[in-house]
Amino acid sequence: MKKIYFFLASVLMAFCANAAATQLYLIGDPVEGGWSYQKGIEMASTGEAGVFTLSVSFDGTKWFGFTENIGTSWDATNGARYGATSKDATPVEGENAMLFPSENAWKLPAGEYTFTVNTNTKKFILGGAIDDKMGDLYLRGMLNDWLNEGLDATYKFSTADEKIYTLNVAALGAGEVFKIGTADWGYSFSSGDIAMTVDTPYSYEGMNEDMAMADNVANVTITLNLNDKTITVSGQASVTSPASLYLIGDVKDNHWIPSTPVEMTKNGNVFTLTNVEIETAFDNEYGFFSFCTAKGADAEDWAVGDRYGASVLDEEISVGVPAAFVRGENAWKVRPAVYNVTVDFDTKQVTLTKGSSAIETVAAADVEEAAVYFNLQGVRVLTPEAGALYIVKRGDKVSKEIVR
């Protein structure tokens, strides 16, 4: 009997998990009074189970989401909420993937739109041309303080085609983050990559993080192509190699002390370091490290010039496998050991190889220098006699010697 109950319960759970939504609400800025778990705009069923539609008019940039549940609590509303795959994402025209449950909101500039939400396939279909609602676009970033002091025509994109925007600027510095955005930040574009290379189209779909060039670029042309949804930066790139570079991290007896990082040896655009011992960090099974271009004044001074590190926070680096580095403070993690480190600014890669500890070096020298004796007929002699002539082998070296 218990097996029957268990079977029925399993069937019921499976049915509930796959049951189509019977109602759906738009929540967020478009609702009168803004964000509230008690209020939403009910969407109309298309006639297909679990699929809903709504036409909306935005008088400015709005953030929004969808939920099956209105009126009890934020936990209940968010637990039945469909959201974007990344925070504050701008949907593209046509299909957009949804997460469920998700508290990530979408945002759209002013305009007339049609929303269709398929809760079965978790797809949000956006109708209405976004491009003609964006208004003017500007380059906004570190080079112009994000235009926080006011808009500047120098950084305004021009367009000879409704779908292709261009801007010429003198230069972009390596690691100098930027975005392309409207005056009110209601709509923005970014590749989300902080190691971009020239003449390479990068998709902006679903990206919200800042972008930056891997190298300094002069005579810059930035192209935003709304046809293929890409951003391309053209210009003259130059390899950026600092005058000095230091390894900083969980070095033996020197854990993350900015005043005493380990200096690396420079040869052209390549820096090297031999036999540096990485220890574990506290109770962690890994040690962590990155690079900086200057020393701090003391153990608390983190004004250490430029920082270089992993493209992903706490990325594990493997011995003998080059790993890309970018400008930033993300550290790598590695198993504790003695390593040789190479940082190549031409390839933008870091490589670790196994080093040798002082004990291992001494032991290797001892083994190499150990003498093995043979008589002149080639027979090994374990106890050579003083005054006799022997063939002596030390490592890969062979000689004739008289034992003293």
Protein backbone atom coordinates (compact mmCIF):
# COMPACT_ATOMS: atom_id res chain seq x y z
CA MET A 1 0.00 0.00 0.00
CA LYS A 2 2.86 2.38 0.87
CA LYS A 3 4.36 1.78 -2.58
CA ILE A 4 1.07 2.78 -4.21
CA TYR A 5 0.92 5.98 -2.16
CA PHE A 6 4.51 6.74 -3.00
CA PHE A 7 3.83 6.19 -6.71
CA LEU A 8 0.77 8.43 -6.65
CA ALA A 9 2.68 11.14 -4.78
CA SER A 10 5.48 10.99 -7.34
CA VAL A 11 3.02 11.31 -10.22
CA LEU A 12 1.34 14.28 -8.51
CA MET A 13 4.66 16.02 -7.91
CA ALA A 14 5.72 15.51 -11.51
CA PHE A 15 2.35 16.84 -12.72
CA CYS A 16 2.65 19.93 -10.52
CA ALA A 17 6.25 20.58 -11.58
CA ASN A 18 5.21 20.59 -15.26
CA ALA A 19 1.78 22.19 -14.89
CA ALA A 20 1.32 25.27 -17.05
CA ALA A 21 0.86 28.61 -15.31
CA THR A 22 -2.80 29.62 -15.09
CA GLN A 23 -2.15 33.35 -14.51
CA LEU A 24 0.73 35.78 -14.93
CA TYR A 25 1.38 39.38 -13.87
CA LEU A 26 3.79 42.08 -14.98
CA ILE A 27 5.45 43.61 -11.90
CA GLY A 28 7.87 46.47 -11.37
CA ASP A 29 8.14 50.08 -12.52
CA PRO A 30 5.27 49.91 -15.06
CA VAL A 31 2.77 49.15 -12.28
CA GLU A 32 1.11 52.13 -10.61
CA GLY A 33 3.10 52.80 -7.44
CA GLY A 34 6.10 50.81 -8.70
CA TRP A 35 7.50 47.63 -7.20
CA SER A 36 5.11 45.85 -4.84
CA TYR A 37 4.31 42.20 -4.11
CA GLN A 38 0.65 43.26 -3.77
CA LYS A 39 0.19 44.80 -7.22
CA GLY A 40 0.77 43.76 -10.81
CA ILE A 41 -0.71 44.12 -14.28
CA GLU A 42 -2.51 40.91 -15.22
CA MET A 43 -1.53 39.51 -18.60
CA ALA A 44 -4.04 37.93 -20.98
CA SER A 45 -3.91 34.28 -21.99
CA THR A 46 -3.23 33.70 -25.69
CA GLY A 47 -5.45 30.61 -25.57
CA GLU A 48 -2.44 28.34 -25.36
CA ALA A 49 -1.94 26.93 -21.86
CA GLY A 50 0.84 28.75 -20.01
CA VAL A 51 1.32 31.50 -22.63
CA PHE A 52 0.37 35.13 -21.86
CA THR A 53 0.55 38.47 -23.63
CA LEU A 54 0.39 42.19 -22.79
CA SER A 55 0.84 45.46 -24.71
CA VAL A 56 2.54 48.23 -22.72
CA SER A 57 3.58 51.84 -23.16
CA PHE A 58 6.67 53.09 -21.28
CA ASP A 59 7.13 56.84 -20.81
CA GLY A 60 10.72 56.34 -19.67
CA THR A 61 13.16 53.58 -18.78
CA LYS A 62 11.40 50.87 -16.77
CA TRP A 63 12.57 47.80 -14.82
CA PHE A 64 10.19 44.83 -14.67
CA GLY A 65 9.62 41.07 -14.29
CA PHE A 66 6.80 38.53 -14.36
CA THR A 67 5.19 36.45 -11.59
CA GLU A 68 2.40 33.93 -11.14
CA ASN A 69 1.72 35.10 -7.58
CA ILE A 70 0.50 38.51 -6.34
CA GLY A 71 -0.67 39.65 -2.91
CA THR A 72 0.88 37.63 -0.05
CA SER A 73 4.60 38.43 0.42
CA TRP A 74 7.80 39.07 -1.50
CA ASP A 75 8.90 35.50 -0.78
CA ALA A 76 5.74 34.15 -2.41
CA THR A 77 5.94 36.59 -5.33
CA ASN A 78 9.66 36.03 -5.99
CA GLY A 79 9.23 32.28 -5.59
CA ALA A 80 6.90 32.30 -8.59
CA ARG A 81 8.80 34.92 -10.58
CA TYR A 82 10.30 34.74 -14.07
CA GLY A 83 13.36 36.91 -14.60
CA ALA A 84 16.30 37.71 -16.85
CA THR A 85 19.39 35.51 -17.08
CA SER A 86 21.49 38.41 -15.75
CA LYS A 87 20.74 41.40 -13.53
CA ASP A 88 19.33 44.52 -15.20
CA ALA A 89 19.52 42.95 -18.67
CA THR A 90 18.00 44.66 -21.68
CA PRO A 91 15.99 42.11 -23.72
CA VAL A 92 16.51 41.81 -27.45
CA GLU A 93 13.71 41.88 -29.96
CA GLY A 94 12.32 38.38 -30.37
CA GLU A 95 13.04 35.51 -27.98
CA ASN A 96 14.80 35.93 -24.63
CA ALA A 97 15.55 33.09 -22.23
CA MET A 98 14.05 33.34 -18.71
CA LEU A 99 15.08 31.92 -15.36
CA PHE A 100 12.54 30.55 -12.87
CA PRO A 101 12.47 31.48 -10.11
CA SER A 102 14.62 34.59 -10.59
CA GLU A 103 14.71 38.08 -9.10
CA ASN A 104 16.73 39.49 -12.03
CA ALA A 105 14.84 42.37 -13.67
CA TRP A 106 14.82 43.44 -17.31
CA LYS A 107 14.94 47.08 -18.36
CA LEU A 108 13.65 48.88 -21.47
CA PRO A 109 13.68 52.52 -22.62
CA ALA A 110 10.54 54.49 -23.40
CA GLY A 111 8.39 53.04 -26.14
CA GLU A 112 5.44 50.88 -27.19
CA TYR A 113 5.97 47.14 -26.70
CA THR A 114 4.21 43.80 -26.83
CA PHE A 115 5.25 41.18 -24.28
CA THR A 116 4.55 37.49 -24.84
CA VAL A 117 5.64 35.09 -22.10
CA ASN A 118 5.70 31.32 -22.56
CA THR A 119 6.01 29.79 -19.09
CA ASN A 120 6.29 26.29 -20.59
CA THR A 121 9.46 26.98 -22.60
CA LYS A 122 10.61 29.84 -20.32
CA LYS A 123 10.80 32.29 -23.22
CA PHE A 124 10.04 36.02 -23.16
CA ILE A 125 9.21 37.29 -26.66
CA LEU A 126 9.63 41.04 -27.07
CA GLY A 127 7.75 42.80 -29.85
CA GLY A 128 8.40 46.39 -30.90
CA ALA A 129 11.49 48.01 -32.41
CA ILE A 130 13.80 49.04 -29.58
CA ASP A 131 16.38 50.77 -31.76
CA ASP A 132 14.28 53.81 -32.66
CA LYS A 133 13.47 54.43 -28.98
CA MET A 134 17.02 54.64 -27.67
CA GLY A 135 17.78 58.24 -28.51
CA ASP A 136 21.39 59.44 -28.73
CA LEU A 137 24.22 57.12 -27.74
CA TYR A 138 27.44 58.12 -25.97
CA LEU A 139 30.77 56.56 -25.11
CA ARG A 140 30.78 56.53 -21.30
CA GLY A 141 33.66 55.31 -19.18
CA MET A 142 36.82 56.02 -17.25
CA LEU A 143 38.23 58.25 -20.00
CA ASN A 144 35.43 60.83 -19.49
CA ASP A 145 34.37 60.10 -15.89
CA TRP A 146 31.34 58.28 -17.29
CA LEU A 147 29.97 61.70 -18.37
CA ASN A 148 28.86 62.26 -14.78
CA GLU A 149 29.54 65.98 -15.15
CA GLY A 150 27.22 66.26 -18.16
CA LEU A 151 26.93 65.07 -21.74
CA ASP A 152 29.73 65.94 -24.17
CA ALA A 153 29.25 65.96 -27.95
CA THR A 154 32.84 64.71 -28.31
CA TYR A 155 31.64 61.28 -27.18
CA LYS A 156 28.34 61.20 -29.08
CA PHE A 157 27.96 58.44 -31.69
CA SER A 158 26.89 59.32 -35.21
CA THR A 159 25.01 57.14 -37.69
CA ALA A 160 24.64 57.22 -41.45
CA ASP A 161 22.64 54.01 -41.16
CA GLU A 162 19.78 53.40 -38.73
CA LYS A 163 21.48 50.26 -37.49
CA ILE A 164 25.19 51.22 -37.42
CA TYR A 165 26.64 53.77 -34.98
CA THR A 166 30.27 54.97 -35.05
CA LEU A 167 32.53 57.16 -32.94
CA ASN A 168 36.15 58.29 -33.38
CA VAL A 169 38.27 59.08 -30.32
CA ALA A 170 42.00 59.69 -29.95
CA ALA A 171 42.80 56.73 -27.72
CA LEU A 172 41.60 54.06 -25.31
CA GLY A 173 43.92 52.89 -22.55
CA ALA A 174 44.44 49.22 -21.76
CA GLY A 175 42.03 48.17 -19.02
CA GLU A 176 40.18 51.52 -19.20
CA VAL A 177 36.58 50.30 -18.81
CA PHE A 178 33.69 51.80 -20.76
CA LYS A 179 30.19 51.22 -22.11
CA ILE A 180 27.98 52.67 -24.81
CA GLY A 181 24.86 54.15 -23.26
CA THR A 182 21.99 56.57 -23.62
CA ALA A 183 21.93 59.87 -21.74
CA ASP A 184 19.77 58.42 -18.93
CA TRP A 185 21.46 54.97 -18.89
CA GLY A 186 18.09 53.54 -19.87
CA TYR A 187 19.77 51.55 -22.60
CA SER A 188 23.41 50.44 -22.73
CA PHE A 189 25.70 48.14 -24.70
CA SER A 190 28.82 46.25 -23.62
CA SER A 191 30.73 43.16 -24.66
CA GLY A 192 31.33 42.31 -20.99
CA ASP A 193 34.98 41.55 -21.93
CA ILE A 194 37.86 43.49 -20.33
CA ALA A 195 40.54 42.09 -22.66
CA MET A 196 39.15 43.06 -26.08
CA THR A 197 41.40 43.04 -29.14
CA VAL A 198 41.18 45.39 -32.12
CA ASP A 199 39.14 44.55 -35.22
CA THR A 200 37.29 41.76 -33.40
CA PRO A 201 33.46 41.90 -33.33
CA TYR A 202 32.12 41.16 -29.82
CA SER A 203 28.50 40.27 -29.17
CA TYR A 204 26.67 42.55 -26.76
CA GLU A 205 23.62 40.33 -26.31
CA GLY A 206 22.86 39.65 -22.65
CA MET A 207 26.01 41.45 -21.46
CA ASN A 208 25.86 43.97 -18.64
CA GLU A 209 29.44 44.21 -17.28
CA ASP A 210 31.94 46.86 -18.43
CA MET A 211 34.29 46.30 -21.37
CA ALA A 212 37.92 47.35 -21.94
CA MET A 213 40.78 46.87 -24.38
CA ALA A 214 43.64 44.48 -23.64
CA ASP A 215 46.21 46.98 -25.03
CA ASN A 216 46.51 50.71 -25.53
CA VAL A 217 44.78 51.67 -28.79
CA ALA A 218 45.35 54.91 -30.75
CA ASN A 219 43.21 56.45 -33.53
CA VAL A 220 40.18 54.57 -32.29
CA THR A 221 36.97 53.89 -34.19
CA ILE A 222 34.17 52.21 -32.22
CA THR A 223 31.37 50.60 -34.24
CA LEU A 224 28.06 49.49 -32.76
CA ASN A 225 26.22 47.27 -35.25
CA LEU A 226 22.57 46.68 -34.39
CA ASN A 227 22.16 44.30 -37.34
CA ASP A 228 24.46 41.59 -36.02
CA LYS A 229 24.44 42.89 -32.42
CA THR A 230 28.19 43.47 -32.15
CA ILE A 231 30.70 46.04 -30.93
CA THR A 232 34.02 46.41 -32.77
CA VAL A 233 36.98 48.61 -31.82
CA SER A 234 39.49 49.43 -34.57
CA GLY A 235 42.75 51.33 -34.29
CA GLN A 236 46.48 50.92 -33.70
CA ALA A 237 47.16 48.64 -30.74
CA SER A 238 50.47 48.65 -28.89
CA VAL A 239 51.62 46.02 -26.43
CA THR A 240 51.51 47.41 -22.92
CA SER A 241 54.36 46.12 -20.79
CA PRO A 242 55.06 47.71 -17.39
CA ALA A 243 58.56 48.71 -16.27
CA SER A 244 58.33 46.43 -13.24
CA LEU A 245 56.15 43.53 -12.15
CA TYR A 246 55.74 41.84 -8.78
CA LEU A 247 54.03 38.63 -7.69
CA ILE A 248 51.82 39.20 -4.68
CA GLY A 249 49.86 36.58 -2.81
CA ASP A 250 50.29 33.60 -0.51
CA VAL A 251 54.06 33.52 -0.84
CA LYS A 252 55.93 31.71 1.96
CA ASP A 253 56.46 34.11 4.90
CA ASN A 254 54.94 36.96 2.88
CA HIS A 255 51.16 36.54 2.60
CA TRP A 256 49.65 39.43 0.62
CA ILE A 257 51.91 42.17 1.99
CA PRO A 258 51.87 45.02 -0.57
CA SER A 259 55.12 46.56 0.69
CA THR A 260 57.11 43.36 0.03
CA PRO A 261 55.82 41.63 -3.12
CA VAL A 262 58.27 39.39 -4.99
CA GLU A 263 59.97 41.23 -7.86
CA MET A 264 60.12 39.48 -11.22
CA THR A 265 62.91 39.65 -13.83
CA LYS A 266 62.08 41.49 -17.05
CA ASN A 267 63.29 40.50 -20.53
CA GLY A 268 61.49 42.51 -23.19
CA ASN A 269 57.77 42.03 -22.61
CA VAL A 270 58.26 38.83 -20.58
CA PHE A 271 58.70 38.63 -16.80
CA THR A 272 60.00 35.54 -14.98
CA LEU A 273 60.39 34.31 -11.42
CA THR A 274 62.03 31.06 -10.30
CA ASN A 275 61.42 28.87 -7.27
CA VAL A 276 58.76 30.91 -5.52
CA GLU A 277 56.90 28.92 -2.86
CA ILE A 278 53.14 29.32 -2.75
CA GLU A 279 51.56 28.29 0.54
CA THR A 280 47.94 27.70 1.49
CA ALA A 281 45.77 30.60 2.56
CA PHE A 282 44.56 30.10 6.14
CA ASP A 283 42.55 26.83 6.23
CA ASN A 284 42.18 26.70 2.47
CA GLU A 285 43.73 23.89 0.41
CA TYR A 286 44.89 26.42 -2.20
CA GLY A 287 47.24 29.37 -2.31
CA PHE A 288 46.23 32.55 -4.16
CA PHE A 289 48.27 35.09 -6.16
CA SER A 290 48.17 37.89 -8.74
CA PHE A 291 50.53 40.64 -9.93
CA CYS A 292 51.13 44.35 -9.37
CA THR A 293 53.41 46.95 -10.94
CA ALA A 294 54.58 48.75 -7.79
CA LYS A 295 55.19 48.23 -4.08
CA GLY A 296 53.01 49.70 -1.37
CA ALA A 297 54.53 52.04 1.20
CA ASP A 298 53.60 49.66 4.02
CA ALA A 299 51.63 46.51 4.79
CA GLU A 300 48.33 48.41 4.48
CA ASP A 301 49.11 50.47 1.36
CA TRP A 302 47.36 48.92 -1.63
CA ALA A 303 48.20 51.79 -4.02
CA VAL A 304 50.40 49.35 -5.93
CA GLY A 305 50.11 50.69 -9.49
CA ASP A 306 48.27 48.50 -11.97
CA ARG A 307 47.01 45.06 -11.00
CA TYR A 308 46.89 42.02 -13.29
CA GLY A 309 45.07 38.79 -12.57
CA ALA A 310 42.68 36.09 -13.68
CA SER A 311 39.72 36.82 -15.92
CA VAL A 312 37.52 34.97 -13.39
CA LEU A 313 37.70 35.39 -9.62
CA ASP A 314 39.74 32.62 -7.93
CA GLU A 315 40.28 30.76 -11.20
CA GLU A 316 42.35 27.60 -10.74
CA ILE A 317 45.56 27.60 -12.79
CA SER A 318 47.12 24.33 -13.93
CA VAL A 319 50.85 23.61 -14.10
CA GLY A 320 52.19 23.88 -17.64
CA VAL A 321 48.94 25.28 -19.06
CA PRO A 322 49.06 28.99 -20.07
CA ALA A 323 46.24 31.07 -18.56
CA ALA A 324 45.05 34.40 -19.93
CA PHE A 325 45.48 37.40 -17.66
CA VAL A 326 43.65 40.72 -17.68
CA ARG A 327 43.97 44.02 -15.89
CA GLY A 328 42.17 43.65 -12.58
CA GLU A 329 42.41 42.30 -9.04
CA ASN A 330 41.09 38.74 -9.55
CA ALA A 331 43.51 36.17 -8.12
CA TRP A 332 44.36 32.68 -9.34
CA LYS A 333 44.38 29.70 -7.01
CA VAL A 334 46.88 26.84 -7.11
CA ARG A 335 47.93 23.88 -4.99
CA PRO A 336 50.79 24.77 -2.60
CA ALA A 337 54.22 24.01 -4.09
CA VAL A 338 57.37 25.65 -5.45
CA TYR A 339 56.85 27.17 -8.90
CA ASN A 340 58.56 28.97 -11.74
CA VAL A 341 56.34 31.77 -13.08
CA THR A 342 56.32 33.39 -16.54
CA VAL A 343 54.17 36.42 -17.42
CA ASP A 344 54.16 37.18 -21.16
CA PHE A 345 52.66 40.54 -22.13
CA ASP A 346 52.89 39.69 -25.84
CA THR A 347 50.51 36.75 -25.49
CA LYS A 348 48.75 38.05 -22.33
CA GLN A 349 49.36 34.70 -20.63
CA VAL A 350 50.72 33.40 -17.33
CA THR A 351 52.43 30.00 -17.13
CA LEU A 352 53.47 28.03 -14.03
CA THR A 353 55.99 25.21 -14.07
CA LYS A 354 57.26 23.14 -11.18
CA GLY A 355 60.25 24.65 -9.41
CA SER A 356 62.55 23.02 -6.86
CA SER A 357 62.96 23.76 -3.17
CA ALA A 358 66.35 24.39 -1.55
CA ILE A 359 66.31 20.89 -0.03
CA GLU A 360 65.56 19.32 -3.41
CA THR A 361 68.38 21.32 -5.03
CA VAL A 362 70.94 20.23 -2.41
CA ALA A 363 69.81 16.62 -2.64
CA ALA A 364 70.10 16.71 -6.43
CA ALA A 365 73.63 18.13 -6.16
CA ASP A 366 74.62 15.43 -3.68
CA VAL A 367 73.37 12.71 -6.01
CA GLU A 368 75.11 14.27 -8.98
CA GLU A 369 78.45 14.48 -7.16
CA ALA A 370 78.40 10.94 -5.71
CA ALA A 371 81.38 8.98 -7.10
CA VAL A 372 81.17 5.40 -8.39
CA TYR A 373 84.54 3.54 -8.77
CA PHE A 374 85.58 0.88 -11.32
CA ASN A 375 88.92 -0.86 -11.85
CA LEU A 376 90.66 -0.59 -15.21
CA GLN A 377 88.85 -3.73 -16.38
CA GLY A 378 85.47 -2.06 -15.76
CA VAL A 379 84.52 -3.98 -12.65
CA ARG A 380 82.87 -1.88 -9.93
CA VAL A 381 84.89 -1.44 -6.73
CA LEU A 382 82.94 -0.75 -3.56
CA THR A 383 86.03 0.02 -1.40
CA PRO A 384 88.74 1.73 -3.46
CA GLU A 385 92.32 1.55 -2.11
CA ALA A 386 94.48 4.64 -1.61
CA GLY A 387 97.16 5.10 -4.26
CA ALA A 388 95.38 2.93 -6.84
CA LEU A 389 94.16 4.17 -10.23
CA TYR A 390 90.39 3.85 -10.93
CA ILE A 391 87.79 4.85 -13.47
CA VAL A 392 85.45 7.25 -11.61
CA LYS A 393 81.88 8.12 -12.68
CA ARG A 394 80.10 11.19 -11.19
CA GLY A 395 76.66 11.69 -12.70
CA ASP A 396 77.24 11.74 -16.46
CA LYS A 397 80.98 12.58 -16.11
CA VAL A 398 83.71 9.86 -16.30
CA SER A 399 87.40 10.29 -15.48
CA LYS A 400 90.50 8.35 -14.34
CA GLU A 401 91.68 9.22 -10.84
CA ILE A 402 94.20 8.03 -8.25
CA VAL A 403 92.48 7.64 -4.87
CA ARG A 404 94.19 9.67 -2.15
